[in-house]
Protein backbone atom coordinates (compact mmCIF):
# COMPACT_ATOMS: atom_id res chain seq x y z
CA MET A 1 8.13 13.38 9.22
CA TRP A 2 6.83 9.97 8.17
CA SER A 3 6.58 6.79 10.27
CA ILE A 4 7.09 3.29 8.89
CA ASP A 5 3.88 1.25 8.84
CA SER A 6 5.16 -2.20 9.88
CA ALA A 7 1.95 -4.00 8.92
CA ALA A 8 2.13 -2.64 5.34
CA SER A 9 5.89 -3.11 4.93
CA GLN A 10 7.91 -6.16 3.97
CA ILE A 11 11.60 -7.02 3.95
CA THR A 12 12.68 -10.28 2.33
CA ILE A 13 16.11 -11.85 2.64
CA MET A 14 17.15 -14.57 0.20
CA VAL A 15 19.83 -16.90 1.52
CA GLY A 16 21.37 -18.92 -1.30
CA LYS A 17 23.39 -22.11 -1.05
CA ALA A 18 27.09 -22.69 -1.59
CA GLY A 19 29.67 -25.46 -1.21
CA LEU A 20 30.72 -28.42 -3.28
CA PHE A 21 27.34 -30.17 -2.84
CA ARG A 22 25.19 -27.03 -3.03
CA PHE A 23 22.89 -28.88 -5.44
CA ALA A 24 21.77 -30.98 -2.46
CA GLY A 25 20.92 -28.01 -0.24
CA HIS A 26 18.05 -25.54 -0.18
CA SER A 27 17.84 -21.79 -0.49
CA HIS A 28 16.01 -20.03 2.33
CA GLU A 29 13.57 -17.15 2.19
CA VAL A 30 13.45 -15.05 5.36
CA VAL A 31 11.04 -12.20 6.09
CA ALA A 32 11.18 -9.48 8.72
CA ASP A 33 7.82 -9.23 10.42
CA THR A 34 8.62 -6.16 12.54
CA VAL A 35 10.20 -3.05 11.04
CA SER A 36 9.89 0.45 12.46
CA GLY A 37 11.43 3.82 11.83
CA GLN A 38 11.20 7.39 10.71
CA VAL A 39 11.64 9.07 7.34
CA GLN A 40 12.29 12.77 6.91
CA PHE A 41 11.25 13.57 3.34
CA ASP A 42 9.62 16.63 1.82
CA PRO A 43 7.92 15.81 -1.51
CA GLU A 44 8.10 19.55 -2.35
CA ASP A 45 11.88 19.56 -1.79
CA PRO A 46 13.12 15.95 -2.06
CA ALA A 47 16.76 17.04 -2.44
CA SER A 48 16.68 18.84 0.91
CA SER A 49 19.66 18.20 3.13
CA SER A 50 17.20 17.30 5.91
CA SER A 51 16.05 14.13 4.09
CA SER A 52 16.90 11.09 6.19
CA VAL A 53 15.94 7.51 6.99
CA ARG A 54 16.19 5.60 10.27
CA LEU A 55 15.00 1.97 10.31
CA GLU A 56 15.01 -0.75 12.93
CA ILE A 57 14.20 -4.41 12.45
CA ASP A 58 13.40 -6.62 15.39
CA ALA A 59 15.84 -9.45 14.65
CA THR A 60 13.78 -11.82 16.81
CA SER A 61 10.91 -11.35 14.33
CA LEU A 62 12.87 -12.72 11.37
CA ARG A 63 11.03 -15.76 10.08
CA VAL A 64 11.98 -18.52 7.63
CA THR A 65 9.00 -18.82 5.27
CA GLY A 66 9.73 -22.38 4.13
CA GLU A 67 9.27 -21.35 0.50
CA GLY A 68 11.10 -23.89 -1.68
CA GLU A 69 12.32 -26.15 1.11
CA PRO A 70 10.98 -29.20 2.97
CA ALA A 71 8.59 -28.19 5.78
CA ASP A 72 10.48 -30.44 8.22
CA ASP A 73 13.64 -28.32 7.72
CA VAL A 74 12.04 -24.97 8.60
CA PRO A 75 12.10 -25.22 12.43
CA GLU A 76 15.78 -26.22 12.45
CA VAL A 77 16.76 -23.49 9.98
CA GLN A 78 14.79 -20.96 12.06
CA GLN A 79 16.49 -22.06 15.29
CA VAL A 80 19.99 -21.93 13.78
CA MET A 81 19.36 -18.52 12.19
CA LEU A 82 18.33 -16.92 15.50
CA SER A 83 20.95 -18.76 17.60
CA ASP A 84 24.45 -17.63 18.53
CA GLN A 85 25.68 -19.63 15.52
CA VAL A 86 24.33 -16.91 13.18
CA LEU A 87 22.40 -13.79 14.28
CA ASP A 88 22.67 -14.27 18.05
CA VAL A 89 19.42 -12.36 18.64
CA ALA A 90 19.78 -12.73 22.41
CA GLN A 91 22.83 -10.46 22.25
CA PHE A 92 21.93 -8.44 19.10
CA PRO A 93 18.12 -8.10 19.03
CA THR A 94 18.05 -5.16 16.60
CA ILE A 95 19.19 -4.59 13.03
CA ALA A 96 19.39 -0.88 12.17
CA PHE A 97 19.97 1.39 9.19
CA VAL A 98 20.66 5.11 9.57
CA SER A 99 21.16 7.31 6.52
CA ARG A 100 23.97 9.82 6.16
CA GLU A 101 22.99 11.23 2.77
CA VAL A 102 19.97 11.04 0.46
CA THR A 103 20.51 11.96 -3.20
CA VAL A 104 17.76 12.42 -5.80
CA ASP A 105 18.87 10.66 -9.00
CA LYS A 106 15.65 11.17 -10.97
CA ALA A 107 12.39 12.94 -10.24
CA ASP A 108 9.00 12.69 -11.92
CA GLU A 109 5.70 13.94 -10.57
CA ASN A 110 5.32 12.26 -7.15
CA GLU A 111 7.96 9.62 -7.97
CA TRP A 112 11.68 9.68 -7.25
CA GLN A 113 14.71 7.48 -7.69
CA LEU A 114 16.99 7.99 -4.71
CA THR A 115 20.39 6.82 -3.59
CA ILE A 116 20.65 6.49 0.16
CA GLU A 117 24.10 6.29 1.75
CA GLY A 118 24.08 5.16 5.35
CA ASP A 119 25.23 2.70 7.96
CA LEU A 120 23.80 -0.77 8.48
CA THR A 121 24.28 -2.33 11.92
CA LEU A 122 23.90 -6.10 12.04
CA HIS A 123 25.24 -8.55 14.61
CA GLY A 124 26.78 -5.61 16.48
CA VAL A 125 28.87 -4.55 13.46
CA GLU A 126 28.31 -1.28 11.59
CA ARG A 127 29.16 -1.07 7.88
CA PRO A 128 28.49 1.57 5.22
CA GLN A 129 25.69 0.67 2.83
CA ARG A 130 24.48 2.24 -0.41
CA ILE A 131 20.87 1.55 -1.40
CA GLU A 132 19.03 2.53 -4.58
CA VAL A 133 15.37 3.24 -3.81
CA GLU A 134 12.26 4.04 -5.84
CA VAL A 135 9.85 6.23 -3.86
CA GLY A 136 6.30 7.20 -4.73
CA LEU A 137 3.81 9.50 -3.04
CA GLU A 138 0.34 8.01 -2.70
CA PRO A 139 -2.57 10.02 -4.09
CA GLY A 140 -3.65 12.63 -1.56
CA GLY A 141 -0.26 12.53 0.13
CA ASP A 142 -1.42 9.85 2.62
CA GLY A 143 1.72 7.76 2.35
CA LEU A 144 5.09 7.09 0.84
CA LEU A 145 5.94 3.77 -0.77
CA ALA A 146 9.64 2.87 -1.09
CA GLN A 147 10.99 -0.17 -2.92
CA GLY A 148 14.49 -1.42 -3.54
CA ASP A 149 17.02 -4.15 -3.10
CA PHE A 150 20.65 -4.56 -2.14
CA LYS A 151 23.18 -7.20 -1.21
CA ILE A 152 25.38 -7.74 1.82
CA LYS A 153 27.93 -10.35 2.84
CA GLN A 154 27.39 -12.07 6.18
CA THR A 155 31.14 -12.25 6.81
CA ASP A 156 31.35 -8.42 6.61
CA PHE A 157 29.25 -8.42 9.79
CA GLY A 158 31.15 -11.14 11.64
CA ILE A 159 28.69 -13.89 10.74
CA LYS A 160 29.99 -17.23 9.52
CA PRO A 161 27.48 -18.69 7.03
CA PRO A 162 26.13 -21.91 8.57
CA GLY A 163 26.46 -25.23 6.80
CA GLY A 164 26.06 -28.94 7.08
CA ALA A 165 27.61 -32.09 5.64
CA GLY A 166 31.04 -31.07 6.87
CA GLY A 167 30.89 -27.76 5.00
CA LEU A 168 30.04 -29.38 1.67
CA VAL A 169 26.65 -27.63 1.76
CA LYS A 170 26.36 -24.23 3.38
CA ALA A 171 24.54 -20.93 3.21
CA LYS A 172 25.91 -18.50 0.66
CA ASP A 173 27.85 -15.59 2.16
CA GLU A 174 26.03 -13.01 0.02
CA LEU A 175 22.44 -12.24 1.00
CA GLU A 176 19.95 -10.61 -1.36
CA ILE A 177 17.63 -8.22 0.44
CA SER A 178 14.53 -6.66 -1.10
CA PHE A 179 12.06 -4.35 0.57
CA THR A 180 8.77 -2.56 0.21
CA LEU A 181 8.32 0.02 2.94
CA GLN A 182 5.15 2.00 3.56
CA ALA A 183 5.37 5.24 5.54
CA ARG A 184 2.53 7.37 6.86
CA PRO A 185 2.55 11.05 7.90
CA GLY A 186 3.34 11.69 11.53
CA GLY A 187 6.13 11.07 13.98
């Protein structure tokens, strides 16, 4: 059993822009500051049917970085993102992913390419999600490092992408999510 090291892990969500006047809007970079969870993974038998992943993100910890947008816009974007207009963190404070199946696609010494099939719960809606992940074992077996990316649509989770200017500029429905997760031995 491995535990996610929140301080050494990072999840980044890129929110693009859409609409007729998208050229006038800004993309938003959002990071998750608090991620926790457990990984069941045996480096000696990575294809074991007991391999699993369970992650939780504290939705209230999501933070707009301000990268590539005017600093004055960040507080408003942050407020809207956490409000009932988008994530509604008061009602849905947790984002979760639970695997159903882990498949080894390629294995080298202490490095694996995995496909993880599971369920992502966001905004109170659960949807199947397939994630391609590169996993490496740190020297000495002191940690696992997993990296990958995937895309989701906000509307699949009952979220209407926010916008301004009468809908002429709005957030893109599709979000690009990338992650680097560090896990340490122990439960």
